Amino acid sequence: MINEANARIESKLEVKAYLQDLKFALNNGAKIEFQAKRYIDYNRNEKYTNQYTVNTLFPDENPVDALKRELLSLTSEDYIQTVKDIRFPKRSEMRVFGKVYNGIDDVYI
């Protein structure tokens, strides 16, 4: 579970370092796996699923290629917060980014 008690804001320098590491990994063979069907999505409004978002924003693209491109385009200005998912305490924190697509669609990355 993620809530505000599990969130923090990193410094701009920390975010830039994270993005630098992410971009290095993506440009040097890191693999992205796109989960079209996730267990959590079964009871969720389809509009709020990864599959719907990717199919809507990038209808004619391979989802993995589109995700890689979008991850490589992230900047520190897109950063929102860093969160710890207490359901999985051994996993690393997640950095949350957001972008606006089509002038109106807020998308969390």
N, C-alpha and C. Protein backbone atom coordinates (compact mmCIF):
# COMPACT_ATOMS: atom_id res chain seq x y z
N MET A 1 0.84 -1.18 0.00
CA MET A 1 0.00 0.00 0.00
C MET A 1 0.89 1.24 0.00
N ILE A 2 0.48 2.23 -0.76
CA ILE A 2 1.22 3.49 -0.84
C ILE A 2 0.34 4.59 -0.27
N ASN A 3 0.88 5.37 0.65
CA ASN A 3 0.17 6.53 1.15
C ASN A 3 1.18 7.63 1.41
N GLU A 4 0.70 8.78 1.79
CA GLU A 4 1.58 9.94 1.96
C GLU A 4 2.65 9.70 3.02
N ALA A 5 2.37 8.87 4.01
CA ALA A 5 3.37 8.57 5.04
C ALA A 5 4.56 7.81 4.46
N ASN A 6 4.36 7.18 3.33
CA ASN A 6 5.42 6.41 2.68
C ASN A 6 6.07 7.19 1.54
N ALA A 7 5.78 8.48 1.44
CA ALA A 7 6.29 9.29 0.33
C ALA A 7 7.28 10.32 0.83
N ARG A 8 8.19 10.69 -0.06
CA ARG A 8 9.14 11.76 0.23
C ARG A 8 9.50 12.45 -1.07
N ILE A 9 10.05 13.63 -0.95
CA ILE A 9 10.49 14.39 -2.12
C ILE A 9 12.02 14.41 -2.11
N GLU A 10 12.60 13.93 -3.19
CA GLU A 10 14.05 13.93 -3.31
C GLU A 10 14.52 15.27 -3.85
N SER A 11 15.79 15.55 -3.62
CA SER A 11 16.36 16.79 -4.15
C SER A 11 16.48 16.69 -5.66
N LYS A 12 16.58 17.83 -6.30
CA LYS A 12 16.72 17.86 -7.76
C LYS A 12 17.98 17.09 -8.19
N LEU A 13 19.04 17.20 -7.41
CA LEU A 13 20.28 16.50 -7.71
C LEU A 13 20.08 14.98 -7.63
N GLU A 14 19.34 14.52 -6.60
CA GLU A 14 19.06 13.08 -6.48
C GLU A 14 18.24 12.58 -7.65
N VAL A 15 17.25 13.35 -8.05
CA VAL A 15 16.39 12.96 -9.18
C VAL A 15 17.21 12.92 -10.46
N LYS A 16 18.06 13.92 -10.67
CA LYS A 16 18.89 13.93 -11.87
C LYS A 16 19.83 12.72 -11.90
N ALA A 17 20.38 12.36 -10.74
CA ALA A 17 21.27 11.19 -10.67
C ALA A 17 20.49 9.92 -10.98
N TYR A 18 19.27 9.81 -10.46
CA TYR A 18 18.44 8.65 -10.75
C TYR A 18 18.15 8.55 -12.25
N LEU A 19 17.77 9.67 -12.84
CA LEU A 19 17.46 9.68 -14.28
C LEU A 19 18.69 9.35 -15.12
N GLN A 20 19.83 9.83 -14.69
CA GLN A 20 21.08 9.51 -15.40
C GLN A 20 21.33 8.00 -15.36
N ASP A 21 21.15 7.39 -14.19
CA ASP A 21 21.33 5.94 -14.06
C ASP A 21 20.29 5.18 -14.89
N LEU A 22 19.04 5.64 -14.87
CA LEU A 22 17.98 5.00 -15.64
C LEU A 22 18.30 5.05 -17.13
N LYS A 23 18.69 6.20 -17.61
CA LYS A 23 18.99 6.36 -19.04
C LYS A 23 20.20 5.53 -19.45
N PHE A 24 21.20 5.47 -18.57
CA PHE A 24 22.36 4.63 -18.86
C PHE A 24 21.93 3.17 -19.00
N ALA A 25 21.11 2.71 -18.06
CA ALA A 25 20.65 1.32 -18.09
C ALA A 25 19.84 1.04 -19.36
N LEU A 26 18.91 1.93 -19.68
CA LEU A 26 18.07 1.72 -20.87
C LEU A 26 18.88 1.74 -22.16
N ASN A 27 19.92 2.54 -22.19
CA ASN A 27 20.75 2.63 -23.39
C ASN A 27 21.82 1.54 -23.46
N ASN A 28 21.89 0.71 -22.41
CA ASN A 28 22.91 -0.33 -22.37
C ASN A 28 22.34 -1.70 -22.06
N GLY A 29 21.18 -1.99 -22.64
CA GLY A 29 20.65 -3.34 -22.60
C GLY A 29 19.63 -3.67 -21.53
N ALA A 30 19.27 -2.74 -20.66
CA ALA A 30 18.22 -3.04 -19.67
C ALA A 30 16.93 -3.36 -20.40
N LYS A 31 16.22 -4.34 -19.90
CA LYS A 31 14.99 -4.77 -20.54
C LYS A 31 13.77 -4.20 -19.83
N ILE A 32 12.78 -3.84 -20.63
CA ILE A 32 11.51 -3.36 -20.12
C ILE A 32 10.48 -4.43 -20.40
N GLU A 33 9.68 -4.75 -19.41
CA GLU A 33 8.58 -5.70 -19.61
C GLU A 33 7.29 -4.94 -19.41
N PHE A 34 6.43 -4.99 -20.40
CA PHE A 34 5.14 -4.34 -20.31
C PHE A 34 4.09 -5.37 -19.93
N GLN A 35 3.45 -5.17 -18.80
CA GLN A 35 2.39 -6.08 -18.36
C GLN A 35 1.06 -5.55 -18.87
N ALA A 36 0.57 -6.15 -19.93
CA ALA A 36 -0.71 -5.72 -20.49
C ALA A 36 -1.85 -6.04 -19.53
N LYS A 37 -1.82 -7.19 -18.94
CA LYS A 37 -2.86 -7.61 -18.00
C LYS A 37 -2.21 -7.79 -16.62
N ARG A 38 -2.63 -6.95 -15.68
CA ARG A 38 -2.12 -7.05 -14.32
C ARG A 38 -3.24 -7.48 -13.39
N TYR A 39 -2.92 -8.22 -12.38
CA TYR A 39 -3.92 -8.70 -11.42
C TYR A 39 -4.70 -7.53 -10.82
N ILE A 40 -4.01 -6.46 -10.50
CA ILE A 40 -4.65 -5.31 -9.87
C ILE A 40 -5.69 -4.64 -10.78
N ASP A 41 -5.57 -4.85 -12.08
CA ASP A 41 -6.47 -4.21 -13.03
C ASP A 41 -7.83 -4.91 -13.19
N TYR A 42 -7.97 -6.11 -12.69
CA TYR A 42 -9.21 -6.86 -12.93
C TYR A 42 -10.45 -6.16 -12.38
N ASN A 43 -10.34 -5.46 -11.28
CA ASN A 43 -11.50 -4.77 -10.70
C ASN A 43 -11.42 -3.26 -10.88
N ARG A 44 -10.58 -2.81 -11.76
CA ARG A 44 -10.36 -1.38 -11.98
C ARG A 44 -11.06 -0.94 -13.26
N ASN A 45 -11.52 0.29 -13.27
CA ASN A 45 -12.07 0.88 -14.48
C ASN A 45 -11.00 0.79 -15.57
N GLU A 46 -11.36 0.25 -16.73
CA GLU A 46 -10.39 0.03 -17.80
C GLU A 46 -9.59 1.28 -18.14
N LYS A 47 -10.21 2.44 -18.04
CA LYS A 47 -9.55 3.70 -18.39
C LYS A 47 -8.31 3.95 -17.53
N TYR A 48 -8.23 3.32 -16.38
CA TYR A 48 -7.11 3.55 -15.46
C TYR A 48 -6.13 2.39 -15.44
N THR A 49 -6.07 1.63 -16.52
CA THR A 49 -5.11 0.53 -16.62
C THR A 49 -3.94 0.92 -17.53
N ASN A 50 -2.82 0.25 -17.31
CA ASN A 50 -1.65 0.48 -18.16
C ASN A 50 -1.96 0.19 -19.63
N GLN A 51 -2.66 -0.90 -19.86
CA GLN A 51 -2.96 -1.29 -21.24
C GLN A 51 -3.78 -0.22 -21.95
N TYR A 52 -4.79 0.30 -21.31
CA TYR A 52 -5.63 1.33 -21.91
C TYR A 52 -4.79 2.58 -22.21
N THR A 53 -3.99 2.99 -21.24
CA THR A 53 -3.18 4.20 -21.40
C THR A 53 -2.21 4.07 -22.57
N VAL A 54 -1.49 2.98 -22.61
CA VAL A 54 -0.51 2.79 -23.69
C VAL A 54 -1.21 2.65 -25.04
N ASN A 55 -2.29 1.90 -25.09
CA ASN A 55 -3.02 1.73 -26.36
C ASN A 55 -3.61 3.05 -26.85
N THR A 56 -4.03 3.90 -25.93
CA THR A 56 -4.63 5.18 -26.29
C THR A 56 -3.57 6.19 -26.74
N LEU A 57 -2.48 6.27 -26.00
CA LEU A 57 -1.45 7.26 -26.31
C LEU A 57 -0.55 6.85 -27.47
N PHE A 58 -0.31 5.56 -27.62
CA PHE A 58 0.63 5.07 -28.63
C PHE A 58 0.00 3.91 -29.41
N PRO A 59 -1.11 4.16 -30.11
CA PRO A 59 -1.88 3.07 -30.71
C PRO A 59 -1.15 2.28 -31.80
N ASP A 60 -0.22 2.89 -32.48
CA ASP A 60 0.43 2.22 -33.60
C ASP A 60 1.87 1.82 -33.28
N GLU A 61 2.21 1.76 -32.00
CA GLU A 61 3.58 1.46 -31.61
C GLU A 61 3.66 0.21 -30.76
N ASN A 62 4.80 -0.41 -30.79
CA ASN A 62 5.10 -1.49 -29.86
C ASN A 62 5.16 -0.87 -28.47
N PRO A 63 4.41 -1.40 -27.50
CA PRO A 63 4.37 -0.80 -26.17
C PRO A 63 5.74 -0.66 -25.51
N VAL A 64 6.60 -1.64 -25.67
CA VAL A 64 7.93 -1.58 -25.06
C VAL A 64 8.75 -0.44 -25.68
N ASP A 65 8.68 -0.29 -26.98
CA ASP A 65 9.40 0.81 -27.64
C ASP A 65 8.89 2.17 -27.17
N ALA A 66 7.58 2.30 -27.07
CA ALA A 66 6.99 3.57 -26.62
C ALA A 66 7.39 3.86 -25.18
N LEU A 67 7.34 2.86 -24.31
CA LEU A 67 7.71 3.06 -22.92
C LEU A 67 9.18 3.44 -22.77
N LYS A 68 10.03 2.77 -23.53
CA LYS A 68 11.46 3.11 -23.47
C LYS A 68 11.68 4.55 -23.89
N ARG A 69 11.06 4.96 -24.98
CA ARG A 69 11.21 6.34 -25.45
C ARG A 69 10.73 7.34 -24.39
N GLU A 70 9.59 7.04 -23.79
CA GLU A 70 9.04 7.95 -22.79
C GLU A 70 9.91 8.00 -21.54
N LEU A 71 10.44 6.87 -21.12
CA LEU A 71 11.34 6.87 -19.96
C LEU A 71 12.61 7.65 -20.26
N LEU A 72 13.13 7.53 -21.48
CA LEU A 72 14.34 8.26 -21.86
C LEU A 72 14.08 9.77 -21.95
N SER A 73 12.84 10.17 -22.11
CA SER A 73 12.52 11.59 -22.25
C SER A 73 12.22 12.28 -20.92
N LEU A 74 12.17 11.50 -19.83
CA LEU A 74 11.86 12.10 -18.52
C LEU A 74 12.92 13.11 -18.10
N THR A 75 12.47 14.15 -17.41
CA THR A 75 13.38 15.14 -16.84
C THR A 75 13.05 15.31 -15.36
N SER A 76 13.90 16.00 -14.66
CA SER A 76 13.65 16.25 -13.23
C SER A 76 12.38 17.09 -13.05
N GLU A 77 11.99 17.83 -14.06
CA GLU A 77 10.76 18.64 -13.99
C GLU A 77 9.51 17.75 -13.97
N ASP A 78 9.62 16.52 -14.44
CA ASP A 78 8.49 15.59 -14.47
C ASP A 78 8.33 14.84 -13.14
N TYR A 79 9.30 14.96 -12.25
CA TYR A 79 9.31 14.24 -10.98
C TYR A 79 8.20 14.74 -10.05
N ILE A 80 7.53 13.79 -9.38
CA ILE A 80 6.49 14.13 -8.42
C ILE A 80 6.93 13.77 -7.00
N GLN A 81 7.26 12.49 -6.78
CA GLN A 81 7.66 12.05 -5.45
C GLN A 81 8.29 10.66 -5.52
N THR A 82 8.84 10.25 -4.39
CA THR A 82 9.39 8.91 -4.24
C THR A 82 8.58 8.21 -3.17
N VAL A 83 8.17 6.98 -3.45
CA VAL A 83 7.31 6.26 -2.52
C VAL A 83 7.86 4.87 -2.22
N LYS A 84 7.51 4.37 -1.04
CA LYS A 84 7.84 3.02 -0.63
C LYS A 84 6.53 2.25 -0.55
N ASP A 85 6.43 1.16 -1.28
CA ASP A 85 5.24 0.33 -1.26
C ASP A 85 5.38 -0.65 -0.09
N ILE A 86 4.61 -0.44 0.97
CA ILE A 86 4.77 -1.26 2.16
C ILE A 86 4.29 -2.70 1.96
N ARG A 87 3.60 -2.96 0.85
CA ARG A 87 3.23 -4.35 0.55
C ARG A 87 4.45 -5.18 0.20
N PHE A 88 5.49 -4.51 -0.30
CA PHE A 88 6.71 -5.18 -0.73
C PHE A 88 7.91 -4.47 -0.10
N PRO A 89 8.12 -4.64 1.20
CA PRO A 89 9.14 -3.87 1.92
C PRO A 89 10.58 -4.12 1.45
N LYS A 90 10.84 -5.24 0.80
CA LYS A 90 12.21 -5.52 0.36
C LYS A 90 12.53 -4.90 -1.00
N ARG A 91 11.51 -4.41 -1.68
CA ARG A 91 11.74 -3.76 -2.98
C ARG A 91 12.19 -2.33 -2.77
N SER A 92 12.90 -1.82 -3.75
CA SER A 92 13.37 -0.43 -3.65
C SER A 92 12.21 0.54 -3.81
N GLU A 93 12.47 1.77 -3.43
CA GLU A 93 11.46 2.81 -3.58
C GLU A 93 11.15 3.04 -5.05
N MET A 94 9.97 3.60 -5.30
CA MET A 94 9.57 3.91 -6.68
C MET A 94 9.56 5.43 -6.84
N ARG A 95 10.12 5.88 -7.93
CA ARG A 95 10.04 7.30 -8.25
C ARG A 95 8.83 7.51 -9.15
N VAL A 96 8.03 8.48 -8.80
CA VAL A 96 6.80 8.77 -9.55
C VAL A 96 7.03 10.03 -10.37
N PHE A 97 6.77 9.91 -11.66
CA PHE A 97 6.87 11.04 -12.57
C PHE A 97 5.51 11.22 -13.21
N GLY A 98 5.28 12.37 -13.77
CA GLY A 98 4.02 12.63 -14.44
C GLY A 98 4.24 13.50 -15.66
N LYS A 99 3.46 13.24 -16.68
CA LYS A 99 3.51 14.04 -17.89
C LYS A 99 2.09 14.28 -18.38
N VAL A 100 1.92 15.34 -19.13
CA VAL A 100 0.63 15.63 -19.73
C VAL A 100 0.72 15.27 -21.21
N TYR A 101 -0.24 14.47 -21.65
CA TYR A 101 -0.30 14.07 -23.06
C TYR A 101 -1.57 14.64 -23.68
N ASN A 102 -1.50 14.95 -24.94
CA ASN A 102 -2.64 15.48 -25.68
C ASN A 102 -3.20 16.76 -25.05
N GLY A 103 -2.37 17.45 -24.30
CA GLY A 103 -2.78 18.69 -23.68
C GLY A 103 -3.71 18.57 -22.49
N ILE A 104 -4.21 17.37 -22.22
CA ILE A 104 -5.17 17.23 -21.10
C ILE A 104 -4.99 15.99 -20.25
N ASP A 105 -4.34 14.96 -20.76
CA ASP A 105 -4.26 13.68 -20.06
C ASP A 105 -3.05 13.63 -19.14
N ASP A 106 -3.28 13.68 -17.81
CA ASP A 106 -2.21 13.51 -16.83
C ASP A 106 -1.92 12.03 -16.71
N VAL A 107 -0.66 11.67 -16.90
CA VAL A 107 -0.26 10.27 -16.83
C VAL A 107 0.88 10.13 -15.84
N TYR A 108 0.72 9.22 -14.88
CA TYR A 108 1.79 8.89 -13.94
C TYR A 108 2.71 7.87 -14.58
N ILE A 109 4.00 8.08 -14.36
CA ILE A 109 4.99 7.17 -14.93
C ILE A 109 5.84 6.64 -13.79
